[in-house]
């Protein structure tokens, strides 16, 4: 068995995530020409209806949201949900919480596959409900439930007091136990990306001839994808985080390539 040299891709991902969080904190503190909300790509999805019907952006949304939205579409087509694994600050917080929880407990908690699969469907009605009321009322009325807004606004003007605090505490607490629950079960942006993620041309491939069936890749995947059972990972939740590639002990057994 040919062992491969270890490259800590996790450090590179964390560097990207820390840089994004630092920029958002900078904007949240009032520096820069735009607010942190201007760089939320889901804002582009929310703005579409108003832009096409009234030729005006919804509420605080604007050109930056649309630019982020179009950039996100290109990124999903190129590299699946890599936005979630490399850029999204909520994903970074949730993943870090789960890593800490794993270190404290020494083991991971897994939901039964059928339960996990059913819960992943929740993000679709969440997306539909958010878009419906945003388009109908013309305001971002779900800010009080949005972890992105609550964290970077410091529970600002649109927070719902104790309810927003309890929501964030619940999501954080459950992230210590279950891998990335908000991202997998409730995120409307993740639901939108599902429409295009299956097209992603950059994917993880497994060489079944050299695979030793150690299952380390399955245990490392934040999205709980059974990488060891696939020749190529087409799962719509794959974020190309490369955690599976990093832990694989066999050289070139797992690798990311186009097509």
Protein backbone atom coordinates (compact mmCIF):
# COMPACT_ATOMS: atom_id res chain seq x y z
CA UNK A 1 0.00 0.00 0.00
CA UNK A 2 1.43 3.34 -1.07
CA UNK A 3 1.09 5.91 1.68
CA UNK A 4 0.70 9.52 0.72
CA UNK A 5 2.20 12.66 2.15
CA UNK A 6 -0.13 14.56 4.44
CA UNK A 7 -1.28 18.00 3.33
CA UNK A 8 -3.42 19.72 5.93
CA UNK A 9 -6.15 21.04 3.66
CA UNK A 10 -8.13 21.79 6.82
CA UNK A 11 -5.72 24.62 7.62
CA UNK A 12 -6.23 26.13 4.17
CA UNK A 13 -10.01 25.95 4.54
CA UNK A 14 -9.87 27.49 7.97
CA UNK A 15 -7.71 30.33 6.62
CA UNK A 16 -10.39 31.11 4.02
CA UNK A 17 -13.16 30.93 6.60
CA UNK A 18 -11.33 33.11 9.12
CA UNK A 19 -10.63 35.71 6.43
CA UNK A 20 -14.32 35.82 5.44
CA UNK A 21 -15.44 36.11 9.06
CA UNK A 22 -12.90 38.90 9.67
CA UNK A 23 -14.23 40.84 6.68
CA UNK A 24 -17.84 40.43 7.82
CA UNK A 25 -16.98 41.55 11.36
CA UNK A 26 -15.20 44.58 9.88
CA UNK A 27 -18.34 45.47 7.92
CA UNK A 28 -20.62 44.70 10.87
CA UNK A 29 -18.69 47.22 12.98
CA UNK A 30 -19.67 49.93 10.50
CA UNK A 31 -16.54 50.09 8.38
CA UNK A 32 -16.67 49.83 4.61
CA UNK A 33 -19.13 51.28 2.13
CA UNK A 34 -21.74 48.53 2.52
CA UNK A 35 -23.19 46.54 5.41
CA UNK A 36 -22.42 42.87 5.95
CA UNK A 37 -25.91 42.01 4.59
CA UNK A 38 -24.83 43.20 1.15
CA UNK A 39 -22.60 40.15 0.87
CA UNK A 40 -25.24 37.50 1.59
CA UNK A 41 -25.78 35.54 -1.65
CA UNK A 42 -29.24 34.36 -0.57
CA UNK A 43 -30.19 38.03 -0.60
CA UNK A 44 -29.86 37.81 -4.37
CA UNK A 45 -32.46 35.04 -4.44
CA UNK A 46 -34.77 37.12 -2.22
CA UNK A 47 -34.30 40.19 -4.41
CA UNK A 48 -35.17 38.52 -7.71
CA UNK A 49 -38.95 38.81 -7.43
CA UNK A 50 -38.95 42.48 -6.53
CA UNK A 51 -36.34 43.23 -9.18
CA UNK A 52 -38.41 41.66 -11.95
CA UNK A 53 -41.83 42.90 -10.80
CA UNK A 54 -41.15 46.41 -9.55
CA UNK A 55 -37.60 46.93 -10.81
CA UNK A 56 -36.58 47.67 -7.22
CA UNK A 57 -34.52 45.66 -4.76
CA UNK A 58 -36.22 44.25 -1.68
CA UNK A 59 -35.50 46.14 1.54
CA UNK A 60 -31.73 46.43 2.23
CA UNK A 61 -30.73 44.27 -0.72
CA UNK A 62 -28.86 45.61 -3.73
CA UNK A 63 -26.38 45.08 -6.53
CA UNK A 64 -23.81 43.41 -4.27
CA UNK A 65 -26.29 40.70 -3.35
CA UNK A 66 -27.02 40.05 -7.02
CA UNK A 67 -23.30 39.91 -7.80
CA UNK A 68 -22.78 37.42 -4.97
CA UNK A 69 -25.78 35.43 -6.20
CA UNK A 70 -24.45 35.18 -9.76
CA UNK A 71 -20.99 34.31 -8.46
CA UNK A 72 -22.53 31.58 -6.32
CA UNK A 73 -24.28 30.04 -9.33
CA UNK A 74 -20.98 29.91 -11.22
CA UNK A 75 -19.23 28.39 -8.21
CA UNK A 76 -21.87 25.69 -7.72
CA UNK A 77 -21.66 24.66 -11.38
CA UNK A 78 -17.88 24.57 -11.16
CA UNK A 79 -17.41 22.98 -7.73
CA UNK A 80 -20.73 21.88 -6.21
CA UNK A 81 -21.38 23.32 -2.71
CA UNK A 82 -17.82 24.49 -2.11
CA UNK A 83 -19.26 27.82 -0.90
CA UNK A 84 -20.63 25.96 2.12
CA UNK A 85 -17.35 24.20 2.91
CA UNK A 86 -14.90 27.01 2.23
CA UNK A 87 -16.65 30.38 2.57
CA UNK A 88 -19.90 30.28 4.56
CA UNK A 89 -19.33 31.63 8.10
CA UNK A 90 -22.31 29.74 9.52
CA UNK A 91 -20.93 26.48 8.15
CA UNK A 92 -17.55 27.31 9.68
CA UNK A 93 -19.07 27.95 13.12
CA UNK A 94 -21.22 24.81 12.97
CA UNK A 95 -18.36 22.59 11.81
CA UNK A 96 -16.02 23.97 14.47
CA UNK A 97 -18.63 23.37 17.18
CA UNK A 98 -19.03 19.77 16.03
CA UNK A 99 -15.26 19.23 16.05
CA UNK A 100 -15.10 20.55 19.61
CA UNK A 101 -17.99 18.31 20.60
CA UNK A 102 -16.22 15.31 19.10
CA UNK A 103 -13.03 16.11 21.03
CA UNK A 104 -14.99 16.40 24.27
CA UNK A 105 -16.97 13.18 23.78
CA UNK A 106 -14.44 11.15 21.84
CA UNK A 107 -17.11 9.91 19.45
CA UNK A 108 -19.61 11.13 16.90
CA UNK A 109 -23.37 10.84 17.19
CA UNK A 110 -25.07 9.57 14.07
CA UNK A 111 -28.74 9.81 13.26
CA UNK A 112 -30.27 6.77 11.55
CA UNK A 113 -29.83 7.20 7.76
CA UNK A 114 -33.59 7.30 7.11
CA UNK A 115 -34.08 9.99 9.76
CA UNK A 116 -31.17 12.02 8.42
CA UNK A 117 -32.49 11.76 4.86
CA UNK A 118 -35.96 12.85 5.94
CA UNK A 119 -34.64 15.81 7.94
CA UNK A 120 -32.61 17.03 4.95
CA UNK A 121 -35.92 17.62 3.15
CA UNK A 122 -36.89 20.29 5.71
CA UNK A 123 -34.68 22.90 4.04
CA UNK A 124 -36.98 22.99 0.98
CA UNK A 125 -40.15 24.14 2.77
CA UNK A 126 -37.95 26.54 4.79
CA UNK A 127 -36.69 28.10 1.54
CA UNK A 128 -40.19 28.25 0.02
CA UNK A 129 -41.72 29.86 3.12
CA UNK A 130 -38.95 32.47 3.39
CA UNK A 131 -39.18 33.41 -0.29
CA UNK A 132 -43.00 33.47 -0.26
CA UNK A 133 -43.27 35.91 2.64
CA UNK A 134 -40.31 38.00 1.48
CA UNK A 135 -41.90 38.43 -1.95
CA UNK A 136 -45.40 38.98 -0.51
CA UNK A 137 -44.50 41.52 2.16
CA UNK A 138 -41.47 43.07 0.50
CA UNK A 139 -39.33 42.88 3.61
CA UNK A 140 -36.75 40.49 5.09
CA UNK A 141 -39.04 39.40 7.89
CA UNK A 142 -37.00 36.29 8.76
CA UNK A 143 -33.95 38.18 9.96
CA UNK A 144 -34.89 37.28 13.53
CA UNK A 145 -34.39 33.60 12.68
CA UNK A 146 -31.35 33.98 10.44
CA UNK A 147 -28.07 32.93 12.14
CA UNK A 148 -26.08 35.03 9.66
CA UNK A 149 -27.95 38.22 10.56
CA UNK A 150 -28.13 37.49 14.29
CA UNK A 151 -24.41 36.78 14.66
CA UNK A 152 -23.02 39.67 12.63
CA UNK A 153 -25.59 42.23 13.74
CA UNK A 154 -25.01 41.31 17.39
CA UNK A 155 -28.72 40.52 17.69
CA UNK A 156 -29.56 43.86 16.11
CA UNK A 157 -32.79 45.74 15.44
CA UNK A 158 -34.63 42.87 13.76
CA UNK A 159 -33.82 40.23 16.37
CA UNK A 160 -36.76 38.74 18.27
CA UNK A 161 -35.35 39.17 21.73
CA UNK A 162 -35.21 36.02 23.82
CA UNK A 163 -36.56 33.89 20.94
CA UNK A 164 -33.61 34.72 18.71
CA UNK A 165 -31.20 34.03 21.56
CA UNK A 166 -32.83 30.68 22.32
CA UNK A 167 -32.73 29.74 18.65
CA UNK A 168 -29.01 30.46 18.40
CA UNK A 169 -28.28 28.60 21.64
CA UNK A 170 -30.25 25.61 20.36
CA UNK A 171 -28.44 25.54 17.01
CA UNK A 172 -25.06 25.89 18.70
CA UNK A 173 -25.80 23.21 21.30
CA UNK A 174 -27.08 20.71 18.77
CA UNK A 175 -24.04 21.40 16.55
CA UNK A 176 -21.87 19.97 19.33
CA UNK A 177 -23.78 16.72 18.98
CA UNK A 178 -24.93 16.46 15.35
CA UNK A 179 -22.77 17.40 12.37
CA UNK A 180 -23.81 20.77 10.89
CA UNK A 181 -27.57 20.56 11.59
CA UNK A 182 -28.50 24.02 10.30
CA UNK A 183 -26.59 23.52 7.04
CA UNK A 184 -28.05 20.10 6.36
CA UNK A 185 -31.62 20.55 7.59
CA UNK A 186 -32.64 24.21 7.56
CA UNK A 187 -30.41 26.35 5.33
CA UNK A 188 -32.43 27.95 2.48
CA UNK A 189 -29.26 28.78 0.56
CA UNK A 190 -28.26 25.12 0.70
CA UNK A 191 -31.70 24.19 -0.66
CA UNK A 192 -31.28 26.62 -3.55
CA UNK A 193 -27.83 25.25 -4.37
CA UNK A 194 -29.33 21.75 -4.63
CA UNK A 195 -30.92 22.82 -7.91
CA UNK A 196 -27.45 23.03 -9.49
CA UNK A 197 -25.14 21.04 -7.23
CA UNK A 198 -25.68 17.79 -9.16
CA UNK A 199 -24.11 19.53 -12.17
CA UNK A 200 -20.84 20.38 -10.38
CA UNK A 201 -17.98 19.44 -12.68
CA UNK A 202 -15.36 19.16 -9.91
CA UNK A 203 -15.93 16.00 -7.89
CA UNK A 204 -14.23 13.54 -5.59
CA UNK A 205 -13.30 10.27 -7.31
CA UNK A 206 -12.44 7.00 -5.57
CA UNK A 207 -10.12 4.38 -7.04
CA UNK A 208 -11.82 1.16 -5.96
CA UNK A 209 -8.78 -0.88 -7.02
CA UNK A 210 -6.57 0.73 -4.36
CA UNK A 211 -9.25 1.38 -1.72
CA UNK A 212 -8.63 -0.63 1.47
CA UNK A 213 -12.15 -0.11 2.86
CA UNK A 214 -10.94 1.61 6.02
CA UNK A 215 -14.02 3.89 6.06
CA UNK A 216 -11.95 6.83 7.34
CA UNK A 217 -13.39 8.98 4.56
CA UNK A 218 -16.95 8.30 5.75
CA UNK A 219 -16.07 9.28 9.31
CA UNK A 220 -14.33 12.49 8.19
CA UNK A 221 -17.14 13.80 5.96
CA UNK A 222 -19.00 16.70 7.69
CA UNK A 223 -22.02 15.97 5.50
CA UNK A 224 -22.08 12.26 6.49
CA UNK A 225 -21.74 11.07 2.88
CA UNK A 226 -20.67 7.43 2.44
CA UNK A 227 -17.67 8.23 0.26
CA UNK A 228 -16.29 4.68 0.58
CA UNK A 229 -19.32 3.32 -1.31
CA UNK A 230 -19.00 5.56 -4.36
CA UNK A 231 -16.77 5.63 -7.42
CA UNK A 232 -17.45 9.36 -7.71
CA UNK A 233 -19.21 11.57 -5.19
CA UNK A 234 -22.29 13.01 -6.90
CA UNK A 235 -24.18 13.68 -3.67
CA UNK A 236 -25.76 17.14 -3.81
CA UNK A 237 -24.52 17.95 -0.29
CA UNK A 238 -20.83 17.43 -1.08
CA UNK A 239 -18.95 20.67 -0.36
CA UNK A 240 -15.60 19.55 -1.80
CA UNK A 241 -14.06 20.28 1.58
CA UNK A 242 -11.47 17.55 0.83
CA UNK A 243 -11.61 16.18 4.38
CA UNK A 244 -12.06 12.68 2.96
CA UNK A 245 -9.07 13.10 0.65
CA UNK A 246 -6.93 14.29 3.54
CA UNK A 247 -7.60 11.33 5.83
CA UNK A 248 -7.31 8.66 3.14
CA UNK A 249 -4.08 6.71 3.87
CA UNK A 250 -3.60 5.50 0.26
CA UNK A 251 -1.95 7.71 -2.31
CA UNK A 252 -4.26 8.80 -5.15
CA UNK A 253 -7.10 6.61 -3.92
CA UNK A 254 -9.28 9.67 -3.39
CA UNK A 255 -8.77 12.79 -5.47
CA UNK A 256 -10.75 15.70 -6.80
CA UNK A 257 -10.81 16.24 -10.52
CA UNK A 258 -13.09 17.66 -13.19
CA UNK A 259 -15.57 15.47 -15.00
